[in-house]
């Protein structure tokens, strides 16, 4: 029923993947844009991994990295999600989608404009609904997670990672220095506090808590000291590493609501004018 709706999602990390999955399940066609070297930590559940692997599947939905319009159309016809390497999302200018979703989650607006499409939705802080976009979806864990904001902003970024299993800052793995990132363990591995799971420029990246390695940056990327390179989930459920998170699913539901609400409002305005 909703297959006539084409959506461009900027970013294909784990939150964006939760959004894309819900939009596709609802019947919308989705094209995602990504960086030449995606920086997703939870890459097992990030369609951006298709840039490295060619294709990537998350919960039964396949994403395919495409390099031209013909390949994009073939992927859409096959029910897949085309992932286009396009950091500035220039594809929006010639695709003319019904909706654009800024799911980069950069905590600031990196170039999205309310005129990009009939409906423009943005995730998290850094955007003002009614000015930068038509709707903002709150990404902050807690009572307002997934809430659709039509006027104003989402909750500000606290700089503190959300609590998972009672842990927040300690579950995040950060680069000890500038350098080349090389993983030593795999996503889904059970790890212990003090265990080295990767190295940056030869310096170890160690887990601070016991748990399951839920996220780890792709090998071979140059990183800066202090940047996030991994995530340990203290709940220790391996299956959680390979399925869309509760947070991404909630945010995806908010985006679906926002698109349908805004398109309905546009249709109502059009009918009242005619």
C-alpha atoms as a PDB file:
ATOM      1  CA  UNK A   1       0.000   0.000   0.000  1.00  0.00           C
ATOM      2  CA  UNK A   2       2.892   2.356   0.743  1.00  0.00           C
ATOM      3  CA  UNK A   3       5.204   1.219  -2.052  1.00  0.00           C
ATOM      4  CA  UNK A   4       4.669   4.521  -3.890  1.00  0.00           C
ATOM      5  CA  UNK A   5       6.548   6.302  -1.085  1.00  0.00           C
ATOM      6  CA  UNK A   6      10.295   6.622  -1.711  1.00  0.00           C
ATOM      7  CA  UNK A   7      12.475   7.589   1.244  1.00  0.00           C
ATOM      8  CA  UNK A   8      16.142   8.547   1.283  1.00  0.00           C
ATOM      9  CA  UNK A   9      17.778   7.805   4.636  1.00  0.00           C
ATOM     10  CA  UNK A  10      21.041   9.633   5.251  1.00  0.00           C
ATOM     11  CA  UNK A  11      23.282   7.224   7.133  1.00  0.00           C
ATOM     12  CA  UNK A  12      23.114   3.452   7.493  1.00  0.00           C
ATOM     13  CA  UNK A  13      24.387   2.841  11.019  1.00  0.00           C
ATOM     14  CA  UNK A  14      22.502   0.824  13.633  1.00  0.00           C
ATOM     15  CA  UNK A  15      19.875   3.492  14.426  1.00  0.00           C
ATOM     16  CA  UNK A  16      19.378   4.219  10.732  1.00  0.00           C
ATOM     17  CA  UNK A  17      19.045   0.480  10.102  1.00  0.00           C
ATOM     18  CA  UNK A  18      16.251   0.265  12.671  1.00  0.00           C
ATOM     19  CA  UNK A  19      14.526   3.102  10.805  1.00  0.00           C
ATOM     20  CA  UNK A  20      15.056   1.527   7.385  1.00  0.00           C
ATOM     21  CA  UNK A  21      13.821  -1.859   8.553  1.00  0.00           C
ATOM     22  CA  UNK A  22      10.549  -0.434   9.888  1.00  0.00           C
ATOM     23  CA  UNK A  23       9.942   1.649   6.776  1.00  0.00           C
ATOM     24  CA  UNK A  24      10.528  -1.359   4.516  1.00  0.00           C
ATOM     25  CA  UNK A  25       8.265  -3.565   6.651  1.00  0.00           C
ATOM     26  CA  UNK A  26       5.561  -0.923   6.171  1.00  0.00           C
ATOM     27  CA  UNK A  27       6.035  -1.181   2.395  1.00  0.00           C
ATOM     28  CA  UNK A  28       7.996   1.984   1.632  1.00  0.00           C
ATOM     29  CA  UNK A  29      10.952   1.913  -0.758  1.00  0.00           C
ATOM     30  CA  UNK A  30      14.182   3.096   0.861  1.00  0.00           C
ATOM     31  CA  UNK A  31      17.563   4.217  -0.450  1.00  0.00           C
ATOM     32  CA  UNK A  32      20.364   4.804   2.067  1.00  0.00           C
ATOM     33  CA  UNK A  33      23.454   6.981   1.707  1.00  0.00           C
ATOM     34  CA  UNK A  34      26.772   6.342   3.446  1.00  0.00           C
ATOM     35  CA  UNK A  35      30.395   7.370   3.826  1.00  0.00           C
ATOM     36  CA  UNK A  36      33.146   5.675   1.786  1.00  0.00           C
ATOM     37  CA  UNK A  37      34.316   4.140   5.087  1.00  0.00           C
ATOM     38  CA  UNK A  38      31.306   3.762   7.407  1.00  0.00           C
ATOM     39  CA  UNK A  39      32.066   4.202  11.096  1.00  0.00           C
ATOM     40  CA  UNK A  40      29.273   2.083  12.587  1.00  0.00           C
ATOM     41  CA  UNK A  41      30.215   0.400  15.849  1.00  0.00           C
ATOM     42  CA  UNK A  42      27.261  -2.004  15.898  1.00  0.00           C
ATOM     43  CA  UNK A  43      28.123  -3.021  12.334  1.00  0.00           C
ATOM     44  CA  UNK A  44      26.538  -6.483  12.625  1.00  0.00           C
ATOM     45  CA  UNK A  45      23.179  -4.693  12.529  1.00  0.00           C
ATOM     46  CA  UNK A  46      24.160  -1.777  10.283  1.00  0.00           C
ATOM     47  CA  UNK A  47      23.284  -1.733   6.584  1.00  0.00           C
ATOM     48  CA  UNK A  48      26.375   0.438   6.115  1.00  0.00           C
ATOM     49  CA  UNK A  49      28.380  -2.806   6.310  1.00  0.00           C
ATOM     50  CA  UNK A  50      27.271  -3.396   2.714  1.00  0.00           C
ATOM     51  CA  UNK A  51      29.859  -0.790   1.679  1.00  0.00           C
ATOM     52  CA  UNK A  52      32.596  -3.150   2.918  1.00  0.00           C
ATOM     53  CA  UNK A  53      30.962  -6.491   2.090  1.00  0.00           C
ATOM     54  CA  UNK A  54      28.888  -5.766  -1.048  1.00  0.00           C
ATOM     55  CA  UNK A  55      25.676  -6.966   0.598  1.00  0.00           C
ATOM     56  CA  UNK A  56      24.550  -7.124   4.216  1.00  0.00           C
ATOM     57  CA  UNK A  57      21.475  -8.742   5.774  1.00  0.00           C
ATOM     58  CA  UNK A  58      19.747  -7.681   8.976  1.00  0.00           C
ATOM     59  CA  UNK A  59      16.676  -9.563  10.188  1.00  0.00           C
ATOM     60  CA  UNK A  60      15.803 -10.875   6.746  1.00  0.00           C
ATOM     61  CA  UNK A  61      16.257  -7.611   4.855  1.00  0.00           C
ATOM     62  CA  UNK A  62      19.183  -7.310   2.420  1.00  0.00           C
ATOM     63  CA  UNK A  63      21.094  -4.105   1.724  1.00  0.00           C
ATOM     64  CA  UNK A  64      23.258  -3.864  -1.398  1.00  0.00           C
ATOM     65  CA  UNK A  65      26.001  -1.347  -2.118  1.00  0.00           C
ATOM     66  CA  UNK A  66      25.309   0.195  -5.530  1.00  0.00           C
ATOM     67  CA  UNK A  67      27.371   2.466  -7.732  1.00  0.00           C
ATOM     68  CA  UNK A  68      24.938   3.569 -10.448  1.00  0.00           C
ATOM     69  CA  UNK A  69      21.263   4.228 -11.091  1.00  0.00           C
ATOM     70  CA  UNK A  70      20.676   0.917 -12.895  1.00  0.00           C
ATOM     71  CA  UNK A  71      22.006  -1.097  -9.941  1.00  0.00           C
ATOM     72  CA  UNK A  72      19.922   0.987  -7.560  1.00  0.00           C
ATOM     73  CA  UNK A  73      16.747   0.279  -9.538  1.00  0.00           C
ATOM     74  CA  UNK A  74      17.533  -3.452  -9.663  1.00  0.00           C
ATOM     75  CA  UNK A  75      17.997  -3.530  -5.904  1.00  0.00           C
ATOM     76  CA  UNK A  76      14.720  -1.692  -5.311  1.00  0.00           C
ATOM     77  CA  UNK A  77      12.895  -4.049  -7.685  1.00  0.00           C
ATOM     78  CA  UNK A  78      14.303  -7.017  -5.743  1.00  0.00           C
ATOM     79  CA  UNK A  79      12.968  -5.608  -2.475  1.00  0.00           C
ATOM     80  CA  UNK A  80      16.466  -4.745  -1.258  1.00  0.00           C
ATOM     81  CA  UNK A  81      17.850  -1.532   0.233  1.00  0.00           C
ATOM     82  CA  UNK A  82      20.347   0.173  -2.087  1.00  0.00           C
ATOM     83  CA  UNK A  83      23.240   1.761  -0.181  1.00  0.00           C
ATOM     84  CA  UNK A  84      24.859   4.566  -2.170  1.00  0.00           C
ATOM     85  CA  UNK A  85      28.240   6.013  -1.176  1.00  0.00           C
ATOM     86  CA  UNK A  86      27.239   9.664  -1.136  1.00  0.00           C
ATOM     87  CA  UNK A  87      28.453  11.612   1.932  1.00  0.00           C
ATOM     88  CA  UNK A  88      26.620  14.792   0.913  1.00  0.00           C
ATOM     89  CA  UNK A  89      23.414  12.968  -0.116  1.00  0.00           C
ATOM     90  CA  UNK A  90      23.376  14.601  -3.541  1.00  0.00           C
ATOM     91  CA  UNK A  91      21.185  11.731  -4.698  1.00  0.00           C
ATOM     92  CA  UNK A  92      18.251  13.581  -3.097  1.00  0.00           C
ATOM     93  CA  UNK A  93      18.442  16.258  -5.802  1.00  0.00           C
ATOM     94  CA  UNK A  94      17.622  13.860  -8.657  1.00  0.00           C
ATOM     95  CA  UNK A  95      15.674  11.114  -6.907  1.00  0.00           C
ATOM     96  CA  UNK A  96      13.004  13.571  -5.638  1.00  0.00           C
ATOM     97  CA  UNK A  97      11.879  11.288  -2.778  1.00  0.00           C
ATOM     98  CA  UNK A  98       8.671  11.866  -0.849  1.00  0.00           C
ATOM     99  CA  UNK A  99      10.690  11.891   2.378  1.00  0.00           C
ATOM    100  CA  UNK A 100      14.258  12.391   3.586  1.00  0.00           C
ATOM    101  CA  UNK A 101      15.412  11.109   6.972  1.00  0.00           C
ATOM    102  CA  UNK A 102      18.625  12.456   8.503  1.00  0.00           C
ATOM    103  CA  UNK A 103      19.777   9.442  10.528  1.00  0.00           C
ATOM    104  CA  UNK A 104      23.463  10.384  10.695  1.00  0.00           C
ATOM    105  CA  UNK A 105      23.068  11.173  14.431  1.00  0.00           C
ATOM    106  CA  UNK A 106      25.937  13.673  14.383  1.00  0.00           C
ATOM    107  CA  UNK A 107      24.295  15.665  17.203  1.00  0.00           C
ATOM    108  CA  UNK A 108      24.222  18.618  14.789  1.00  0.00           C
ATOM    109  CA  UNK A 109      22.821  19.441  11.374  1.00  0.00           C
ATOM    110  CA  UNK A 110      25.448  18.595   8.749  1.00  0.00           C
ATOM    111  CA  UNK A 111      23.450  19.832   5.751  1.00  0.00           C
ATOM    112  CA  UNK A 112      19.798  18.778   5.945  1.00  0.00           C
ATOM    113  CA  UNK A 113      17.228  21.415   4.917  1.00  0.00           C
ATOM    114  CA  UNK A 114      13.469  21.479   5.326  1.00  0.00           C
ATOM    115  CA  UNK A 115      13.174  21.995   1.544  1.00  0.00           C
ATOM    116  CA  UNK A 116      14.980  18.724   0.698  1.00  0.00           C
ATOM    117  CA  UNK A 117      11.691  16.823   0.281  1.00  0.00           C
ATOM    118  CA  UNK A 118       7.961  17.197   0.983  1.00  0.00           C
ATOM    119  CA  UNK A 119       8.675  15.528   4.335  1.00  0.00           C
ATOM    120  CA  UNK A 120      12.004  15.854   6.152  1.00  0.00           C
ATOM    121  CA  UNK A 121      12.582  14.005   9.436  1.00  0.00           C
ATOM    122  CA  UNK A 122      15.712  14.167  11.608  1.00  0.00           C
ATOM    123  CA  UNK A 123      16.935  12.040  14.508  1.00  0.00           C
ATOM    124  CA  UNK A 124      18.030  13.382  17.852  1.00  0.00           C
ATOM    125  CA  UNK A 125      19.477  16.698  18.980  1.00  0.00           C
ATOM    126  CA  UNK A 126      20.867  19.331  16.653  1.00  0.00           C
ATOM    127  CA  UNK A 127      17.658  19.968  14.689  1.00  0.00           C
ATOM    128  CA  UNK A 128      14.655  22.216  15.213  1.00  0.00           C
ATOM    129  CA  UNK A 129      11.326  20.950  13.886  1.00  0.00           C
ATOM    130  CA  UNK A 130       9.610  23.611  11.823  1.00  0.00           C
ATOM    131  CA  UNK A 131      12.951  25.141  10.877  1.00  0.00           C
ATOM    132  CA  UNK A 132      15.548  22.506   9.828  1.00  0.00           C
ATOM    133  CA  UNK A 133      12.993  19.770   9.203  1.00  0.00           C
ATOM    134  CA  UNK A 134       9.297  18.975   9.555  1.00  0.00           C
ATOM    135  CA  UNK A 135       9.717  16.573  12.478  1.00  0.00           C
ATOM    136  CA  UNK A 136      12.385  15.480  14.948  1.00  0.00           C
ATOM    137  CA  UNK A 137      12.417  12.040  16.577  1.00  0.00           C
ATOM    138  CA  UNK A 138      13.935  11.896  20.058  1.00  0.00           C
ATOM    139  CA  UNK A 139      16.788   9.373  20.380  1.00  0.00           C
ATOM    140  CA  UNK A 140      17.524   9.835  24.083  1.00  0.00           C
ATOM    141  CA  UNK A 141      16.904   6.705  26.152  1.00  0.00           C
ATOM    142  CA  UNK A 142      14.077   7.158  28.622  1.00  0.00           C
ATOM    143  CA  UNK A 143      10.483   8.317  28.669  1.00  0.00           C
ATOM    144  CA  UNK A 144      10.620  10.279  25.382  1.00  0.00           C
ATOM    145  CA  UNK A 145      12.536   7.757  23.269  1.00  0.00           C
ATOM    146  CA  UNK A 146      10.927   7.657  19.816  1.00  0.00           C
ATOM    147  CA  UNK A 147       8.695  10.692  20.475  1.00  0.00           C
ATOM    148  CA  UNK A 148       7.794  12.733  17.391  1.00  0.00           C
ATOM    149  CA  UNK A 149       8.376  16.470  17.829  1.00  0.00           C
ATOM    150  CA  UNK A 150       6.629  18.795  15.375  1.00  0.00           C
ATOM    151  CA  UNK A 151       7.732  22.061  16.972  1.00  0.00           C
ATOM    152  CA  UNK A 152      10.982  22.570  18.815  1.00  0.00           C
ATOM    153  CA  UNK A 153      13.942  20.309  19.557  1.00  0.00           C
ATOM    154  CA  UNK A 154      14.763  16.914  21.012  1.00  0.00           C
ATOM    155  CA  UNK A 155      16.409  16.606  24.412  1.00  0.00           C
ATOM    156  CA  UNK A 156      19.987  17.953  24.308  1.00  0.00           C
ATOM    157  CA  UNK A 157      22.957  15.621  24.102  1.00  0.00           C
ATOM    158  CA  UNK A 158      24.285  14.936  27.614  1.00  0.00           C
ATOM    159  CA  UNK A 159      27.575  13.482  26.387  1.00  0.00           C
ATOM    160  CA  UNK A 160      26.962  10.474  28.650  1.00  0.00           C
ATOM    161  CA  UNK A 161      26.201   7.114  26.984  1.00  0.00           C
ATOM    162  CA  UNK A 162      22.780   5.711  27.779  1.00  0.00           C
ATOM    163  CA  UNK A 163      22.568   3.069  30.489  1.00  0.00           C
ATOM    164  CA  UNK A 164      22.457  -0.560  29.310  1.00  0.00           C
ATOM    165  CA  UNK A 165      22.228  -3.243  31.957  1.00  0.00           C
ATOM    166  CA  UNK A 166      23.136  -0.660  34.587  1.00  0.00           C
ATOM    167  CA  UNK A 167      26.315   0.439  32.794  1.00  0.00           C
ATOM    168  CA  UNK A 168      26.848   3.628  30.783  1.00  0.00           C
ATOM    169  CA  UNK A 169      30.325   5.117  30.270  1.00  0.00           C
ATOM    170  CA  UNK A 170      32.211   1.938  31.219  1.00  0.00           C
ATOM    171  CA  UNK A 171      30.563  -0.127  28.487  1.00  0.00           C
ATOM    172  CA  UNK A 172      32.001   2.116  25.743  1.00  0.00           C
ATOM    173  CA  UNK A 173      35.433   1.257  24.310  1.00  0.00           C
ATOM    174  CA  UNK A 174      37.518   4.245  23.237  1.00  0.00           C
ATOM    175  CA  UNK A 175      40.755   4.611  21.284  1.00  0.00           C
ATOM    176  CA  UNK A 176      43.754   5.115  23.610  1.00  0.00           C
ATOM    177  CA  UNK A 177      45.621   7.099  20.935  1.00  0.00           C
ATOM    178  CA  UNK A 178      45.566   8.163  17.315  1.00  0.00           C
ATOM    179  CA  UNK A 179      46.318   5.314  14.927  1.00  0.00           C
ATOM    180  CA  UNK A 180      45.159   2.360  12.891  1.00  0.00           C
ATOM    181  CA  UNK A 181      42.369   0.290  14.449  1.00  0.00           C
ATOM    182  CA  UNK A 182      42.734  -3.513  14.438  1.00  0.00           C
ATOM    183  CA  UNK A 183      40.231  -5.794  16.142  1.00  0.00           C
ATOM    184  CA  UNK A 184      41.409  -8.819  18.140  1.00  0.00           C
ATOM    185  CA  UNK A 185      38.027 -10.261  19.100  1.00  0.00           C
ATOM    186  CA  UNK A 186      34.758 -10.642  17.192  1.00  0.00           C
ATOM    187  CA  UNK A 187      31.321  -9.132  17.714  1.00  0.00           C
ATOM    188  CA  UNK A 188      29.374 -11.672  19.772  1.00  0.00           C
ATOM    189  CA  UNK A 189      32.386 -12.806  21.821  1.00  0.00           C
ATOM    190  CA  UNK A 190      32.060 -12.919  25.607  1.00  0.00           C
ATOM    191  CA  UNK A 191      34.808 -10.797  27.174  1.00  0.00           C
ATOM    192  CA  UNK A 192      36.052  -9.996  30.670  1.00  0.00           C
ATOM    193  CA  UNK A 193      37.124  -6.746  32.280  1.00  0.00           C
ATOM    194  CA  UNK A 194      40.768  -6.045  31.533  1.00  0.00           C
ATOM    195  CA  UNK A 195      40.811  -8.167  28.373  1.00  0.00           C
ATOM    196  CA  UNK A 196      42.246  -6.628  25.201  1.00  0.00           C
ATOM    197  CA  UNK A 197      39.661  -6.723  22.393  1.00  0.00           C
ATOM    198  CA  UNK A 198      41.488  -4.548  19.841  1.00  0.00           C
ATOM    199  CA  UNK A 199      44.465  -2.252  19.423  1.00  0.00           C
ATOM    200  CA  UNK A 200      45.041   1.223  18.040  1.00  0.00           C
ATOM    201  CA  UNK A 201      48.504   1.963  16.742  1.00  0.00           C
ATOM    202  CA  UNK A 202      49.734  -1.044  18.720  1.00  0.00           C
ATOM    203  CA  UNK A 203      48.167   0.108  22.008  1.00  0.00           C
ATOM    204  CA  UNK A 204      45.540  -2.210  23.535  1.00  0.00           C
ATOM    205  CA  UNK A 205      41.857  -1.386  23.787  1.00  0.00           C
ATOM    206  CA  UNK A 206      40.621  -3.196  26.898  1.00  0.00           C
ATOM    207  CA  UNK A 207      37.151  -3.994  28.152  1.00  0.00           C
ATOM    208  CA  UNK A 208      36.238  -2.264  31.408  1.00  0.00           C
ATOM    209  CA  UNK A 209      33.397  -4.635  32.280  1.00  0.00           C
ATOM    210  CA  UNK A 210      32.390  -8.252  31.722  1.00  0.00           C
ATOM    211  CA  UNK A 211      29.858  -8.832  28.963  1.00  0.00           C
ATOM    212  CA  UNK A 212      29.386  -9.546  25.288  1.00  0.00           C
ATOM    213  CA  UNK A 213      31.175  -7.560  22.610  1.00  0.00           C
ATOM    214  CA  UNK A 214      28.143  -5.964  20.968  1.00  0.00           C
ATOM    215  CA  UNK A 215      29.981  -3.567  18.684  1.00  0.00           C
ATOM    216  CA  UNK A 216      33.438  -3.110  17.211  1.00  0.00           C
ATOM    217  CA  UNK A 217      34.724  -0.767  14.524  1.00  0.00           C
ATOM    218  CA  UNK A 218      35.720  -2.189  11.137  1.00  0.00           C
ATOM    219  CA  UNK A 219      39.392  -3.140  10.845  1.00  0.00           C
ATOM    220  CA  UNK A 220      41.839  -0.823   9.107  1.00  0.00           C
ATOM    221  CA  UNK A 221      40.294   2.543   9.955  1.00  0.00           C
ATOM    222  CA  UNK A 222      42.387   5.431  11.215  1.00  0.00           C
ATOM    223  CA  UNK A 223      40.913   6.775  14.434  1.00  0.00           C
ATOM    224  CA  UNK A 224      41.577   9.634  16.837  1.00  0.00           C
ATOM    225  CA  UNK A 225      42.345   9.285  20.532  1.00  0.00           C
ATOM    226  CA  UNK A 226      39.176   9.128  22.614  1.00  0.00           C
ATOM    227  CA  UNK A 227      36.805   8.212  19.797  1.00  0.00           C
ATOM    228  CA  UNK A 228      34.374   5.349  20.287  1.00  0.00           C
ATOM    229  CA  UNK A 229      35.606   2.076  18.775  1.00  0.00           C
ATOM    230  CA  UNK A 230      33.488  -0.569  20.521  1.00  0.00           C
ATOM    231  CA  UNK A 231      30.716  -1.448  22.939  1.00  0.00           C
ATOM    232  CA  UNK A 232      30.395  -4.151  25.614  1.00  0.00           C
ATOM    233  CA  UNK A 233      26.879  -5.174  26.684  1.00  0.00           C
ATOM    234  CA  UNK A 234      26.879  -6.275  30.357  1.00  0.00           C
ATOM    235  CA  UNK A 235      23.681  -8.275  29.862  1.00  0.00           C
ATOM    236  CA  UNK A 236      25.759 -10.866  28.014  1.00  0.00           C
ATOM    237  CA  UNK A 237      23.056 -11.990  25.565  1.00  0.00           C
ATOM    238  CA  UNK A 238      24.859 -12.930  22.356  1.00  0.00           C
ATOM    239  CA  UNK A 239      21.670 -12.816  20.240  1.00  0.00           C
ATOM    240  CA  UNK A 240      21.300  -9.101  21.005  1.00  0.00           C
ATOM    241  CA  UNK A 241      24.457  -8.424  18.979  1.00  0.00           C
ATOM    242  CA  UNK A 242      22.783  -9.584  15.781  1.00  0.00           C
ATOM    243  CA  UNK A 243      19.305  -8.093  16.067  1.00  0.00           C
ATOM    244  CA  UNK A 244      18.038  -4.516  15.926  1.00  0.00           C
ATOM    245  CA  UNK A 245      18.118  -2.892  19.366  1.00  0.00           C
ATOM    246  CA  UNK A 246      15.088  -1.776  21.342  1.00  0.00           C
ATOM    247  CA  UNK A 247      16.281   1.814  20.909  1.00  0.00           C
ATOM    248  CA  UNK A 248      16.647   1.565  17.111  1.00  0.00           C
ATOM    249  CA  UNK A 249      13.245  -0.110  16.834  1.00  0.00           C
ATOM    250  CA  UNK A 250      11.583   2.620  18.905  1.00  0.00           C
ATOM    251  CA  UNK A 251      13.245   5.383  16.885  1.00  0.00           C
ATOM    252  CA  UNK A 252      12.239   3.608  13.660  1.00  0.00           C
ATOM    253  CA  UNK A 253       8.632   3.566  14.826  1.00  0.00           C
ATOM    254  CA  UNK A 254       8.823   7.283  15.513  1.00  0.00           C
ATOM    255  CA  UNK A 255      10.146   7.976  12.011  1.00  0.00           C
ATOM    256  CA  UNK A 256       7.388   5.875  10.438  1.00  0.00           C
ATOM    257  CA  UNK A 257       4.793   7.822  12.439  1.00  0.00           C
ATOM    258  CA  UNK A 258       6.368  11.154  11.493  1.00  0.00           C
ATOM    259  CA  UNK A 259       6.405  10.399   7.756  1.00  0.00           C
ATOM    260  CA  UNK A 260       2.812   9.169   7.683  1.00  0.00           C
ATOM    261  CA  UNK A 261       1.589  12.064   9.827  1.00  0.00           C
ATOM    262  CA  UNK A 262       3.317  14.695   7.698  1.00  0.00           C
ATOM    263  CA  UNK A 263       2.223  13.141   4.395  1.00  0.00           C
ATOM    264  CA  UNK A 264      -1.354  12.988   5.681  1.00  0.00           C
ATOM    265  CA  UNK A 265      -1.170  16.656   6.677  1.00  0.00           C
ATOM    266  CA  UNK A 266       0.128  17.540   3.212  1.00  0.00           C
ATOM    267  CA  UNK A 267      -2.699  15.618   1.547  1.00  0.00           C
ATOM    268  CA  UNK A 268      -5.275  17.301   3.762  1.00  0.00           C
ATOM    269  CA  UNK A 269      -3.885  20.725   2.854  1.00  0.00           C
ATOM    270  CA  UNK A 270      -3.921  19.853  -0.840  1.00  0.00           C
ATOM    271  CA  UNK A 271      -7.536  18.666  -0.724  1.00  0.00           C
ATOM    272  CA  UNK A 272      -8.667  21.753   1.189  1.00  0.00           C
ATOM    273  CA  UNK A 273      -7.112  23.958  -1.498  1.00  0.00           C
ATOM    274  CA  UNK A 274      -8.805  22.077  -4.325  1.00  0.00           C
END
